Every structure is written in structure tokens, then in C-alpha cells.
Amino acid sequence: MTSQDVTLSRRKALASASAIAGAALTDPLQRWLMPQHSRFSGTSVISRAELDGWREIAGGLQGWNNTPTGQLVRKAVIAQLNDVSDRLKNAADTVTTREGFLAGAEIAEIAASMSWDSGLHRAAQRYYTLSVQFAKVGGDDNFAAVTLAAFARQCFDLGQPDDGLELVQLAQYGTRKSARPILRSLLATREAWSYAQTGAVQPFRRAVGLAEDHFAESGAEEPDSRVRGLDEAELYGVLGARWRDLAATRQEPTEARHAQAYIGRALALRDPSRARNRAFDLIGLARTHLITAEPDRACELVDEALPIAKHWANGRVGEKLRDFHRESQPFASSAAVRSTRDAVRALIEA
């Protein structure tokens, strides 16, 4: 790894919200599959106290998406990432150096997710790539795969299912010997995401089945700290949203009913502290009821989501509300639908 790989330019990262696609996105990650032979020629030693501090920062940020955060928090995380990157650039070949790269990988993944949520897609892509590179140097292929899964999710959100699938397949191949069932389940949900967006019904059903089977296998294992947040509620929520994607792609109400069953189960299981996830569930469920031509029920669900969603309206929750507003247009002759659409517009334009 070169100093150019490690050093992150704030100006380059934040200059544009536009995303890259295709080979420009995936080619830099192909090297992840190659054996790592890093040798550190620097003389700077990462102290145990420094390492513990980085880990404490990464651990304290893990629940960032459960509470509203502003741009100042994101910028502080990026500043911390740059500080860590600068320290690692000239580090000596020690145990704490490799552990430091893993801490840096976690901070980079968080910076990427925060940037994506803020609509800074090019910046998010850079940070996701950096996280994968750091995890590889640190010797944790499974964490690199988790980051690739998050990176793929951004691709799907941007309507790039082929790029997302390529990232997932890189992660699956790279961890084919080391992945535990919970990681395999996570990657299968991302695989299903791609197939849902392209309308590939049989591959989609196969991937959903694998996600559920691997998740069931993981129940007898110790929790994997790398795969945070994939509990039963999240599994049902993610797969339900994918059924909704498939239904929307194919305009098939039967598939929307599958989505309603999955998301309904997710809502029943959600931890009350996961308010943002609950907002996603409610908005996603509402959108399935538009597909099944039940606009009144859709509006009831969005009305329930709005008091929660107002705390995250500037991020991806707001984007999902915009999707609902667009998709509900055919039903705008209804007074109830007009009222909900007005409330949604007022929130996202505030």
C-alpha cells in the first residue's frame, strides 16, 4: 500500500456529490482478492494508548444512525480518519500498526456511511474503498467483506445493481473459506437486492432462501462483532424491502404482499431504540400498499412515520419519503392522499 492510498484528500472527497460507476468503481477493489504482502518501512510506532483511543472512537460511533447527527459530526469523523491515516502512513511494522489499520477501517466505513446518508456519494465511495484497503492490510478479510456489503447497498440505492452485485460477489469469493453463516446471510441479502432491481425472479428467490438459511445457522454461534445490526428484525426488514423492489420492478401485487408480510414481521420485532429503522419500515410498507392500490393504508403508515422521520429528513429517510411522494401521485385525487403528500412535502422541504 502506498502513501497515496492512505492519505485522503478532504477537498477531493467532498468536492462532488456525484457517484462513479462501472469499472472505475469496481477495478480498484479487484486487488482485494490478491494476497497481501505489506511491509511497513516507516519508523513511527503506534502506541497501545493511541490504538485504544482509536478503538474507543470507532466503538462510540457504531450507533450513529440510531440518533440524529449533523454535518459537524460527520466532519469530525472525517477529520479523525485523516488523523489516523496520517499516523499510519509512516508506521513501523508492528502488531499495533496492523491493529491500527483495522481501527482505521472501522472509522472509514462509518465516514462512508455518514457521507452516503448526506448525499455525498463520491466521498462515500472513496471512504468505502479506503475501508476495504485498510481491512485488507490489517488482515481481516471478513470486515472488508462487511464494508463491501455496505458499499454495494449504496450502489443499489443509486440504481447501479450490476456494480452492487459485482462488489457482493467479490466479498463472497474473498471470504469463501472464512465467512461465518451470519456474514453469508448478510451477503445473500445484498445479492437478492441486485436481482430484485433487475427483475430476476428465480435468482432473487434463491438468494432470499440462502439469506434465511444462513441466518438460521448463525443462531447457534457466538455473535460476530463485524456483522452488527443483522438481527431477525433487520433480516425481515431488508428482505421485505427487496420483495417491494421486485414488486415495483415487475408491477406485481402478489410480490408486494410478500413484502407486506416480511416488513410487518420486522416492525413487530424492532427494538424501540432503532427508531430510524422503524421509519424505513413504515415508509417501505406504505410504498407496498401503493403497489396493491391501497392508498389509504399507505397514508396511515406514512402519517405514523412522519413524527419519527422528521429527525432524519435530510438523509436517506427523506429520500424514501420523496419516493413515496412521487409514487403516490396517481392517487392524488383522494383527500387523504393529498393531505399526507402535503405533510411529506412540508417535511422534506423544511
Protein backbone atom coordinates (compact mmCIF):
# COMPACT_ATOMS: atom_id res chain seq x y z
CA MET A 1 0.00 0.00 0.00
CA THR A 2 1.40 3.41 -0.98
CA SER A 3 1.19 6.70 0.86
CA GLN A 4 -1.23 7.86 -1.84
CA ASP A 5 -3.58 5.00 -0.90
CA VAL A 6 -3.51 6.01 2.74
CA THR A 7 -3.60 9.80 2.56
CA LEU A 8 -7.13 11.07 1.99
CA SER A 9 -7.69 14.50 0.45
CA ARG A 10 -10.59 16.31 2.06
CA ARG A 11 -11.02 18.51 -1.00
CA LYS A 12 -11.18 15.56 -3.39
CA ALA A 13 -13.51 13.62 -1.13
CA LEU A 14 -16.00 16.43 -0.63
CA ALA A 15 -15.80 18.20 -3.98
CA SER A 16 -18.71 16.40 -5.62
CA ALA A 17 -21.84 14.55 -4.66
CA SER A 18 -21.87 12.65 -7.97
CA ALA A 19 -21.06 8.94 -7.96
CA ILE A 20 -18.83 6.91 -10.24
CA ALA A 21 -19.93 3.64 -11.80
CA GLY A 22 -18.71 0.61 -13.71
CA ALA A 23 -15.04 -0.29 -13.96
CA ALA A 24 -13.94 2.99 -12.39
CA LEU A 25 -15.78 1.90 -9.26
CA THR A 26 -15.01 -1.81 -9.11
CA ASP A 27 -11.50 -2.14 -10.60
CA PRO A 28 -9.65 -0.60 -7.61
CA LEU A 29 -11.28 -3.24 -5.41
CA GLN A 30 -10.20 -6.21 -7.51
CA ARG A 31 -6.83 -6.10 -5.75
CA TRP A 32 -8.63 -7.07 -2.56
CA LEU A 33 -8.61 -10.67 -3.78
CA MET A 34 -4.82 -10.73 -4.10
CA PRO A 35 -2.59 -12.00 -1.28
CA GLN A 36 -1.42 -9.21 1.00
CA HIS A 37 2.34 -8.79 1.34
CA SER A 38 2.50 -5.39 3.02
CA ARG A 39 5.77 -4.35 4.60
CA PHE A 40 5.86 -1.15 6.57
CA SER A 41 9.09 0.79 6.12
CA GLY A 42 8.27 3.67 8.45
CA THR A 43 9.75 4.26 11.88
CA SER A 44 6.77 5.73 13.72
CA VAL A 45 5.40 3.35 16.36
CA ILE A 46 1.66 3.28 17.10
CA SER A 47 1.35 3.18 20.87
CA ARG A 48 -1.12 0.98 22.67
CA ALA A 49 -2.75 4.12 24.12
CA GLU A 50 -3.24 5.56 20.62
CA LEU A 51 -4.72 2.30 19.40
CA ASP A 52 -7.09 2.09 22.36
CA GLY A 53 -8.19 5.66 21.66
CA TRP A 54 -8.96 4.87 18.02
CA ARG A 55 -10.91 1.80 19.04
CA GLU A 56 -12.88 3.80 21.57
CA ILE A 57 -13.77 6.35 18.92
CA ALA A 58 -14.85 3.63 16.46
CA GLY A 59 -16.90 1.87 19.14
CA GLY A 60 -18.59 5.08 20.23
CA LEU A 61 -19.67 5.81 16.67
CA GLN A 62 -21.22 2.42 15.93
CA GLY A 63 -24.74 3.56 16.81
CA TRP A 64 -24.53 6.86 14.93
CA ASN A 65 -27.52 6.04 12.75
CA ASN A 66 -29.79 5.44 15.75
CA THR A 67 -29.63 9.09 16.82
CA PRO A 68 -29.86 12.22 14.67
CA THR A 69 -26.43 13.56 13.76
CA GLY A 70 -25.46 16.68 11.90
CA GLN A 71 -22.81 17.67 9.40
CA LEU A 72 -20.46 18.70 12.21
CA VAL A 73 -20.38 15.12 13.49
CA ARG A 74 -19.62 13.78 10.02
CA LYS A 75 -16.84 16.30 9.53
CA ALA A 76 -15.38 15.41 12.93
CA VAL A 77 -15.33 11.73 11.94
CA ILE A 78 -13.60 12.56 8.66
CA ALA A 79 -11.05 14.71 10.49
CA GLN A 80 -10.36 11.79 12.83
CA LEU A 81 -9.99 9.45 9.86
CA ASN A 82 -7.46 11.76 8.27
CA ASP A 83 -5.50 11.91 11.52
CA VAL A 84 -5.45 8.12 11.73
CA SER A 85 -4.45 7.87 8.06
CA ASP A 86 -1.57 10.29 8.58
CA ARG A 87 -0.28 8.29 11.54
CA LEU A 88 -0.46 5.00 9.67
CA LYS A 89 1.31 6.38 6.61
CA ASN A 90 4.75 6.26 8.25
CA ALA A 91 4.11 3.49 10.76
CA ALA A 92 6.62 0.80 11.61
CA ASP A 93 5.91 -2.90 11.05
CA THR A 94 4.43 -3.79 14.44
CA VAL A 95 1.37 -5.58 15.80
CA THR A 96 -0.20 -2.28 16.79
CA THR A 97 0.21 -0.98 13.24
CA ARG A 98 -1.91 -3.79 11.79
CA GLU A 99 -4.45 -3.38 14.57
CA GLY A 100 -4.42 0.34 13.82
CA PHE A 101 -5.35 -0.35 10.21
CA LEU A 102 -8.37 -2.31 11.44
CA ALA A 103 -9.45 0.59 13.66
CA GLY A 104 -8.97 2.88 10.67
CA ALA A 105 -11.09 0.54 8.54
CA GLU A 106 -13.96 0.87 11.01
CA ILE A 107 -13.72 4.66 11.12
CA ALA A 108 -13.53 4.82 7.30
CA GLU A 109 -16.64 2.64 6.97
CA ILE A 110 -18.54 4.93 9.35
CA ALA A 111 -17.36 8.02 7.45
CA ALA A 112 -18.54 6.39 4.22
CA SER A 113 -21.99 5.59 5.58
CA MET A 114 -22.38 9.10 7.01
CA SER A 115 -21.34 10.63 3.69
CA TRP A 116 -23.75 8.42 1.77
CA ASP A 117 -26.58 9.39 4.12
CA SER A 118 -25.72 13.04 3.45
CA GLY A 119 -25.88 12.53 -0.32
CA LEU A 120 -22.10 12.86 -0.78
CA HIS A 121 -21.86 9.77 -2.93
CA ARG A 122 -18.38 10.21 -4.43
CA ALA A 123 -16.96 10.86 -0.96
CA ALA A 124 -18.74 7.78 0.38
CA GLN A 125 -17.27 5.65 -2.40
CA ARG A 126 -13.77 6.85 -1.57
CA TYR A 127 -14.18 6.08 2.12
CA TYR A 128 -15.67 2.64 1.46
CA THR A 129 -12.73 1.84 -0.80
CA LEU A 130 -10.30 3.06 1.85
CA SER A 131 -12.01 0.92 4.49
CA VAL A 132 -11.63 -2.21 2.34
CA GLN A 133 -7.96 -1.41 1.74
CA PHE A 134 -7.30 -0.79 5.43
CA ALA A 135 -9.07 -4.00 6.46
CA LYS A 136 -7.01 -5.96 3.94
CA VAL A 137 -3.75 -4.53 5.30
CA GLY A 138 -4.96 -5.29 8.82
CA GLY A 139 -5.58 -8.90 7.85
CA ASP A 140 -9.36 -9.01 8.34
CA ASP A 141 -10.96 -10.14 5.10
CA ASN A 142 -14.32 -10.62 6.79
CA PHE A 143 -14.51 -6.97 7.84
CA ALA A 144 -13.55 -6.00 4.29
CA ALA A 145 -16.50 -8.10 3.09
CA VAL A 146 -18.84 -6.31 5.50
CA THR A 147 -17.66 -2.99 4.08
CA LEU A 148 -18.17 -4.27 0.53
CA ALA A 149 -21.73 -5.21 1.53
CA ALA A 150 -22.33 -1.64 2.72
CA PHE A 151 -20.70 -0.29 -0.46
CA ALA A 152 -23.00 -2.49 -2.55
CA ARG A 153 -26.02 -1.13 -0.69
CA GLN A 154 -25.03 2.37 -1.78
CA CYS A 155 -24.82 1.13 -5.39
CA PHE A 156 -28.33 -0.29 -5.17
CA ASP A 157 -29.62 2.95 -3.68
CA LEU A 158 -28.12 4.78 -6.66
CA GLY A 159 -29.71 2.39 -9.17
CA GLN A 160 -26.46 0.57 -10.03
CA PRO A 161 -27.45 -3.09 -9.44
CA ASP A 162 -24.72 -4.57 -11.64
CA ASP A 163 -21.96 -2.70 -9.79
CA GLY A 164 -23.50 -3.69 -6.47
CA LEU A 165 -23.66 -7.34 -7.46
CA GLU A 166 -20.01 -7.30 -8.54
CA LEU A 167 -19.00 -5.93 -5.13
CA VAL A 168 -21.06 -8.61 -3.38
CA GLN A 169 -19.50 -11.35 -5.48
CA LEU A 170 -16.03 -10.01 -4.67
CA ALA A 171 -16.91 -10.24 -0.98
CA GLN A 172 -18.35 -13.74 -1.33
CA TYR A 173 -15.34 -15.04 -3.21
CA GLY A 174 -12.82 -13.37 -0.94
CA THR A 175 -14.40 -14.91 2.18
CA ARG A 176 -15.44 -18.24 0.70
CA LYS A 177 -13.28 -20.11 3.25
CA SER A 178 -13.61 -17.81 6.26
CA ALA A 179 -17.15 -16.42 6.30
CA ARG A 180 -19.41 -17.48 9.14
CA PRO A 181 -23.13 -18.05 8.47
CA ILE A 182 -24.14 -14.56 9.63
CA LEU A 183 -21.79 -12.95 7.08
CA ARG A 184 -23.03 -15.29 4.36
CA SER A 185 -26.58 -14.25 5.28
CA LEU A 186 -25.69 -10.57 5.02
CA LEU A 187 -24.07 -11.03 1.62
CA ALA A 188 -27.05 -13.06 0.37
CA THR A 189 -29.40 -10.19 1.27
CA ARG A 190 -27.25 -7.89 -0.87
CA GLU A 191 -27.25 -10.39 -3.71
CA ALA A 192 -31.06 -10.50 -3.53
CA TRP A 193 -31.09 -6.71 -3.72
CA SER A 194 -29.45 -6.75 -7.14
CA TYR A 195 -31.77 -9.40 -8.51
CA ALA A 196 -34.82 -7.52 -7.21
CA GLN A 197 -33.81 -4.38 -9.05
CA THR A 198 -33.23 -6.26 -12.31
CA GLY A 199 -36.39 -8.38 -12.00
CA ALA A 200 -34.52 -11.72 -11.94
CA VAL A 201 -37.17 -13.69 -10.07
CA GLN A 202 -35.58 -17.12 -9.67
CA PRO A 203 -32.11 -15.86 -8.65
CA PHE A 204 -33.88 -13.50 -6.25
CA ARG A 205 -35.83 -16.30 -4.60
CA ARG A 206 -32.68 -18.39 -4.33
CA ALA A 207 -30.76 -15.55 -2.66
CA VAL A 208 -33.61 -14.88 -0.21
CA GLY A 209 -33.67 -18.55 0.72
CA LEU A 210 -29.92 -18.56 1.29
CA ALA A 211 -30.12 -15.44 3.45
CA GLU A 212 -32.76 -17.05 5.64
CA ASP A 213 -30.99 -20.42 5.82
CA HIS A 214 -27.62 -18.90 6.74
CA PHE A 215 -29.27 -16.68 9.33
CA ALA A 216 -30.91 -19.71 10.92
CA GLU A 217 -27.50 -21.44 11.02
CA SER A 218 -25.96 -18.47 12.80
CA GLY A 219 -28.25 -18.82 15.79
CA ALA A 220 -26.04 -21.42 17.45
CA GLU A 221 -22.89 -19.29 17.08
CA GLU A 222 -21.32 -16.59 19.18
CA PRO A 223 -22.23 -13.14 17.80
CA ASP A 224 -19.86 -11.80 15.15
CA SER A 225 -18.83 -8.25 16.09
CA ARG A 226 -18.15 -7.45 12.42
CA VAL A 227 -21.76 -8.03 11.35
CA ARG A 228 -23.51 -5.51 13.55
CA GLY A 229 -27.22 -4.91 13.31
CA LEU A 230 -28.29 -8.01 11.37
CA ASP A 231 -30.78 -9.32 13.90
CA GLU A 232 -34.05 -11.02 12.99
CA ALA A 233 -35.90 -7.71 12.64
CA GLU A 234 -33.29 -6.34 10.27
CA LEU A 235 -33.29 -9.53 8.20
CA TYR A 236 -37.07 -9.35 7.72
CA GLY A 237 -36.91 -5.61 7.07
CA VAL A 238 -34.19 -5.89 4.43
CA LEU A 239 -35.77 -8.87 2.67
CA GLY A 240 -39.21 -7.25 2.82
CA ALA A 241 -37.85 -4.14 1.15
CA ARG A 242 -36.31 -6.35 -1.53
CA TRP A 243 -39.66 -8.02 -2.18
CA ARG A 244 -41.01 -4.48 -2.58
CA ASP A 245 -38.26 -3.68 -5.10
CA LEU A 246 -39.10 -6.80 -7.08
CA ALA A 247 -42.80 -5.97 -6.98
CA ALA A 248 -42.10 -2.43 -8.19
CA THR A 249 -39.81 -3.65 -10.97
CA ARG A 250 -42.40 -6.15 -12.21
CA GLN A 251 -45.53 -4.26 -11.07
CA GLU A 252 -46.67 -7.49 -9.46
CA PRO A 253 -49.10 -7.13 -6.49
CA THR A 254 -48.51 -10.72 -5.34
CA GLU A 255 -44.87 -9.91 -4.66
CA ALA A 256 -45.94 -6.75 -2.83
CA ARG A 257 -47.99 -8.97 -0.49
CA HIS A 258 -44.83 -10.91 0.30
CA ALA A 259 -43.16 -7.60 1.11
CA GLN A 260 -46.00 -6.64 3.44
CA ALA A 261 -45.67 -9.88 5.38
CA TYR A 262 -41.90 -9.51 5.79
CA ILE A 263 -41.94 -5.82 6.74
CA GLY A 264 -44.86 -6.36 9.11
CA ARG A 265 -42.80 -9.00 10.88
CA ALA A 266 -39.83 -6.62 11.04
CA LEU A 267 -41.97 -3.93 12.68
CA ALA A 268 -43.20 -6.40 15.28
CA LEU A 269 -39.62 -7.37 16.15
CA ARG A 270 -37.90 -3.96 16.04
CA ASP A 271 -36.11 -2.79 19.15
CA PRO A 272 -37.74 0.53 20.19
CA SER A 273 -34.29 2.17 20.17
CA ARG A 274 -33.99 1.59 16.40
CA ALA A 275 -36.27 4.50 15.51
CA ARG A 276 -34.63 5.23 12.17
CA ASN A 277 -35.06 1.62 11.07
CA ARG A 278 -38.69 1.78 12.13
CA ALA A 279 -39.17 4.85 9.94
CA PHE A 280 -37.69 2.96 6.98
CA ASP A 281 -40.01 0.02 7.70
CA LEU A 282 -43.13 2.18 7.87
CA ILE A 283 -42.32 4.11 4.69
CA GLY A 284 -41.34 0.92 2.85
CA LEU A 285 -44.54 -0.81 3.95
CA ALA A 286 -46.56 2.20 2.82
CA ARG A 287 -45.00 2.00 -0.62
CA THR A 288 -46.05 -1.65 -0.93
CA HIS A 289 -49.65 -0.60 -0.29
CA LEU A 290 -49.40 1.81 -3.21
CA ILE A 291 -48.45 -1.14 -5.43
CA THR A 292 -51.51 -3.06 -4.19
CA ALA A 293 -53.71 0.02 -4.77
CA GLU A 294 -54.44 0.64 -1.08
CA PRO A 295 -53.55 4.33 -0.81
CA ASP A 296 -55.49 4.99 2.39
CA ARG A 297 -53.49 2.34 4.26
CA ALA A 298 -50.30 3.69 2.71
CA CYS A 299 -51.09 7.16 4.04
CA GLU A 300 -51.86 5.84 7.52
CA LEU A 301 -48.41 4.27 7.65
CA VAL A 302 -46.62 7.38 6.39
CA ASP A 303 -48.54 9.54 8.86
CA GLU A 304 -47.25 7.23 11.59
CA ALA A 305 -43.70 7.52 10.25
CA LEU A 306 -43.55 11.32 9.93
CA PRO A 307 -43.01 12.16 13.64
CA ILE A 308 -40.02 9.79 13.61
CA ALA A 309 -38.79 10.73 10.15
CA LYS A 310 -38.53 14.45 10.91
CA HIS A 311 -35.30 13.79 12.81
CA TRP A 312 -33.63 12.30 9.72
CA ALA A 313 -35.39 14.15 6.90
CA ASN A 314 -32.12 15.46 5.45
CA GLY A 315 -30.75 11.96 4.85
CA ARG A 316 -31.90 8.73 3.28
CA VAL A 317 -35.14 8.72 5.27
CA GLY A 318 -36.02 11.92 3.44
CA GLU A 319 -35.15 10.26 0.13
CA LYS A 320 -37.58 7.43 0.87
CA LEU A 321 -40.27 9.99 1.65
CA ARG A 322 -39.58 11.62 -1.71
CA ASP A 323 -40.03 8.20 -3.32
CA PHE A 324 -43.40 7.85 -1.59
CA HIS A 325 -44.43 11.34 -2.69
CA ARG A 326 -43.60 10.51 -6.32
CA GLU A 327 -45.22 7.06 -6.27
CA SER A 328 -48.42 8.33 -4.63
CA GLN A 329 -49.09 10.86 -7.41
CA PRO A 330 -51.57 8.56 -9.24
CA PHE A 331 -53.77 8.60 -6.12
CA ALA A 332 -53.61 12.36 -5.52
CA SER A 333 -57.31 12.84 -6.25
CA SER A 334 -58.02 11.36 -2.79
CA ALA A 335 -58.30 13.92 0.01
CA ALA A 336 -56.42 11.64 2.43
CA VAL A 337 -53.59 11.16 -0.05
CA ARG A 338 -53.36 14.90 -0.74
CA SER A 339 -53.15 15.60 2.98
CA THR A 340 -50.34 13.10 3.51
CA ARG A 341 -48.48 14.26 0.42
CA ASP A 342 -48.67 17.85 1.67
CA ALA A 343 -47.27 16.78 5.04
CA VAL A 344 -44.45 14.88 3.36
CA ARG A 345 -43.60 17.81 1.11
CA ALA A 346 -43.59 20.22 4.05
CA LEU A 347 -41.17 17.97 5.94
CA ILE A 348 -38.68 17.34 3.16
CA GLU A 349 -38.70 20.98 2.04
CA ALA A 350 -38.27 22.39 5.55
